[in-house]
């Protein structure tokens, strides 16, 4: 297994996130389609750096993955959070995603006092097995959520884990 260091992300990691979203095939698993949408998503994702809710995974000093909590500041729903993760395709299946999600779960519970984490993933995404292995369970499905370039559709699967 690759030696991975998990740390809090900084605004300097923004360029890495943009680069990861531009990797071939990555946007199939995200709702963005073009550079303007990616820029908006990156801006939102990295806005949580201020709350210390974004993690970066490093291998040999190079950031190869990021994960974030989309914290809610509405009191009635502040007990749970949606999260997102992205790992460089060249570093997948090396335990990096597992380490990122485990550390995210730890800070979610200890730092932010969250009770639940949830995620949205599209059918056929290989990361589903990671989420299941870490104890996330499907609680809903939205049919035909993403329309692909070829005109086909993917369902959105909603998963959740009690912390």
Protein backbone atom coordinates (compact mmCIF):
# COMPACT_ATOMS: atom_id res chain seq x y z
CA UNK A 1 0.00 0.00 0.00
CA UNK A 2 1.17 3.51 -0.85
CA UNK A 3 2.24 5.79 2.04
CA UNK A 4 -0.51 8.40 2.25
CA UNK A 5 -0.61 11.55 4.35
CA UNK A 6 -4.03 13.06 5.07
CA UNK A 7 -4.06 16.76 5.95
CA UNK A 8 -6.40 19.72 5.96
CA UNK A 9 -6.64 21.22 2.51
CA UNK A 10 -5.66 24.80 1.80
CA UNK A 11 -6.73 27.20 -0.92
CA UNK A 12 -3.46 26.29 -2.70
CA UNK A 13 -5.05 22.87 -3.41
CA UNK A 14 -7.67 24.47 -5.65
CA UNK A 15 -5.53 23.97 -8.77
CA UNK A 16 -5.25 20.25 -8.00
CA UNK A 17 -9.03 19.93 -7.68
CA UNK A 18 -9.51 21.67 -11.04
CA UNK A 19 -6.90 19.37 -12.60
CA UNK A 20 -8.62 16.28 -11.20
CA UNK A 21 -11.99 17.35 -12.57
CA UNK A 22 -10.38 17.78 -15.99
CA UNK A 23 -9.05 14.19 -16.04
CA UNK A 24 -10.56 12.14 -18.84
CA UNK A 25 -13.77 10.40 -17.79
CA UNK A 26 -14.02 12.03 -14.34
CA UNK A 27 -17.02 14.24 -15.10
CA UNK A 28 -19.10 11.13 -15.85
CA UNK A 29 -19.34 10.72 -12.08
CA UNK A 30 -20.16 14.36 -11.30
CA UNK A 31 -23.07 16.56 -12.43
CA UNK A 32 -20.87 19.17 -14.10
CA UNK A 33 -20.41 19.24 -17.87
CA UNK A 34 -18.20 22.20 -18.81
CA UNK A 35 -15.44 24.40 -17.38
CA UNK A 36 -17.86 27.05 -16.12
CA UNK A 37 -19.77 24.43 -14.11
CA UNK A 38 -16.51 22.92 -12.84
CA UNK A 39 -15.34 26.37 -11.71
CA UNK A 40 -18.58 26.86 -9.75
CA UNK A 41 -18.31 23.41 -8.16
CA UNK A 42 -14.66 23.99 -7.23
CA UNK A 43 -15.50 27.36 -5.70
CA UNK A 44 -18.24 25.77 -3.56
CA UNK A 45 -16.10 22.75 -2.60
CA UNK A 46 -13.12 24.90 -1.57
CA UNK A 47 -15.30 27.41 0.33
CA UNK A 48 -15.32 24.80 3.14
CA UNK A 49 -11.55 25.16 3.60
CA UNK A 50 -12.30 28.05 5.98
CA UNK A 51 -14.30 25.69 8.21
CA UNK A 52 -11.50 23.07 8.10
CA UNK A 53 -13.90 20.68 6.38
CA UNK A 54 -11.76 19.79 3.33
CA UNK A 55 -9.07 17.11 3.41
CA UNK A 56 -6.22 16.45 1.01
CA UNK A 57 -4.41 13.15 0.49
CA UNK A 58 -0.72 13.39 -0.37
CA UNK A 59 1.67 10.81 -1.76
CA UNK A 60 5.33 11.90 -1.82
CA UNK A 61 4.25 15.51 -1.26
CA UNK A 62 1.83 15.49 -4.22
CA UNK A 63 -1.91 15.94 -3.64
CA UNK A 64 -3.68 12.97 -5.24
CA UNK A 65 -7.13 13.24 -3.69
CA UNK A 66 -9.52 15.58 -1.93
CA UNK A 67 -12.67 15.13 0.13
CA UNK A 68 -15.02 17.63 1.72
CA UNK A 69 -18.01 18.02 3.99
CA UNK A 70 -20.79 20.27 2.74
CA UNK A 71 -21.62 21.55 6.22
CA UNK A 72 -25.01 23.05 6.90
CA UNK A 73 -25.35 26.06 9.11
CA UNK A 74 -29.10 25.59 9.53
CA UNK A 75 -29.44 24.30 13.09
CA UNK A 76 -32.22 21.79 12.34
CA UNK A 77 -30.08 19.93 9.79
CA UNK A 78 -26.60 20.57 11.17
CA UNK A 79 -26.44 16.99 12.50
CA UNK A 80 -25.69 15.56 9.06
CA UNK A 81 -23.66 16.43 5.99
CA UNK A 82 -23.29 15.53 2.37
CA UNK A 83 -19.72 14.81 1.35
CA UNK A 84 -17.74 14.46 -1.87
CA UNK A 85 -14.47 12.78 -2.74
CA UNK A 86 -12.19 12.67 -5.76
CA UNK A 87 -9.00 10.65 -6.23
CA UNK A 88 -6.54 10.91 -9.09
CA UNK A 89 -7.22 7.96 -11.44
CA UNK A 90 -3.51 7.01 -11.31
CA UNK A 91 -3.78 6.49 -7.54
CA UNK A 92 -7.03 4.57 -7.25
CA UNK A 93 -7.25 1.12 -5.65
CA UNK A 94 -4.35 1.98 -3.33
CA UNK A 95 -6.36 2.74 -0.18
CA UNK A 96 -6.34 6.51 -0.65
CA UNK A 97 -10.12 6.85 -0.93
CA UNK A 98 -10.56 4.64 2.14
CA UNK A 99 -8.17 6.78 4.18
CA UNK A 100 -9.79 10.02 3.03
CA UNK A 101 -13.32 8.85 3.88
CA UNK A 102 -12.27 7.38 7.24
CA UNK A 103 -10.55 10.64 8.22
CA UNK A 104 -13.55 12.60 6.97
CA UNK A 105 -15.84 10.44 9.15
CA UNK A 106 -13.55 11.07 12.11
CA UNK A 107 -13.59 14.86 11.82
CA UNK A 108 -17.31 14.79 11.01
CA UNK A 109 -18.01 13.08 14.31
CA UNK A 110 -15.34 14.59 16.56
CA UNK A 111 -14.94 18.13 15.23
CA UNK A 112 -18.37 18.88 13.77
CA UNK A 113 -20.48 16.58 16.01
CA UNK A 114 -22.27 15.15 12.98
CA UNK A 115 -24.49 12.11 13.46
CA UNK A 116 -24.83 11.06 9.80
CA UNK A 117 -22.85 11.36 6.59
CA UNK A 118 -24.54 10.95 3.25
CA UNK A 119 -23.45 10.94 -0.34
CA UNK A 120 -24.83 10.88 -3.85
CA UNK A 121 -23.27 8.54 -6.38
CA UNK A 122 -24.32 7.51 -9.86
CA UNK A 123 -25.03 3.91 -10.74
CA UNK A 124 -22.06 1.92 -12.09
CA UNK A 125 -19.57 4.20 -10.29
CA UNK A 126 -16.74 1.95 -9.06
CA UNK A 127 -16.61 3.92 -5.78
CA UNK A 128 -19.89 2.32 -4.68
CA UNK A 129 -17.96 -0.70 -3.40
CA UNK A 130 -15.77 1.61 -1.27
CA UNK A 131 -18.83 3.23 0.30
CA UNK A 132 -20.47 -0.15 0.98
CA UNK A 133 -17.23 -1.48 2.52
CA UNK A 134 -17.20 1.52 4.87
CA UNK A 135 -20.77 0.86 5.99
CA UNK A 136 -22.78 3.27 3.85
CA UNK A 137 -26.23 1.98 2.97
CA UNK A 138 -28.48 2.94 0.08
CA UNK A 139 -31.58 4.78 1.27
CA UNK A 140 -32.97 6.06 -2.02
CA UNK A 141 -32.60 6.22 -5.75
CA UNK A 142 -33.56 8.89 -8.23
CA UNK A 143 -34.16 7.32 -11.61
CA UNK A 144 -32.74 8.87 -14.77
CA UNK A 145 -30.96 11.64 -12.83
CA UNK A 146 -27.97 12.22 -15.13
CA UNK A 147 -28.38 12.46 -18.88
CA UNK A 148 -25.23 11.30 -20.59
CA UNK A 149 -23.83 12.56 -23.88
CA UNK A 150 -25.06 9.44 -25.70
CA UNK A 151 -28.64 10.16 -24.55
CA UNK A 152 -28.64 7.40 -21.92
CA UNK A 153 -29.38 8.01 -18.25
CA UNK A 154 -27.84 7.10 -14.91
CA UNK A 155 -29.70 6.79 -11.63
CA UNK A 156 -28.53 8.76 -8.62
CA UNK A 157 -28.04 6.52 -5.58
CA UNK A 158 -28.25 8.14 -2.16
CA UNK A 159 -26.26 6.46 0.61
CA UNK A 160 -25.91 7.22 4.31
CA UNK A 161 -23.95 6.11 7.34
CA UNK A 162 -24.67 6.72 11.02
CA UNK A 163 -21.49 7.89 12.74
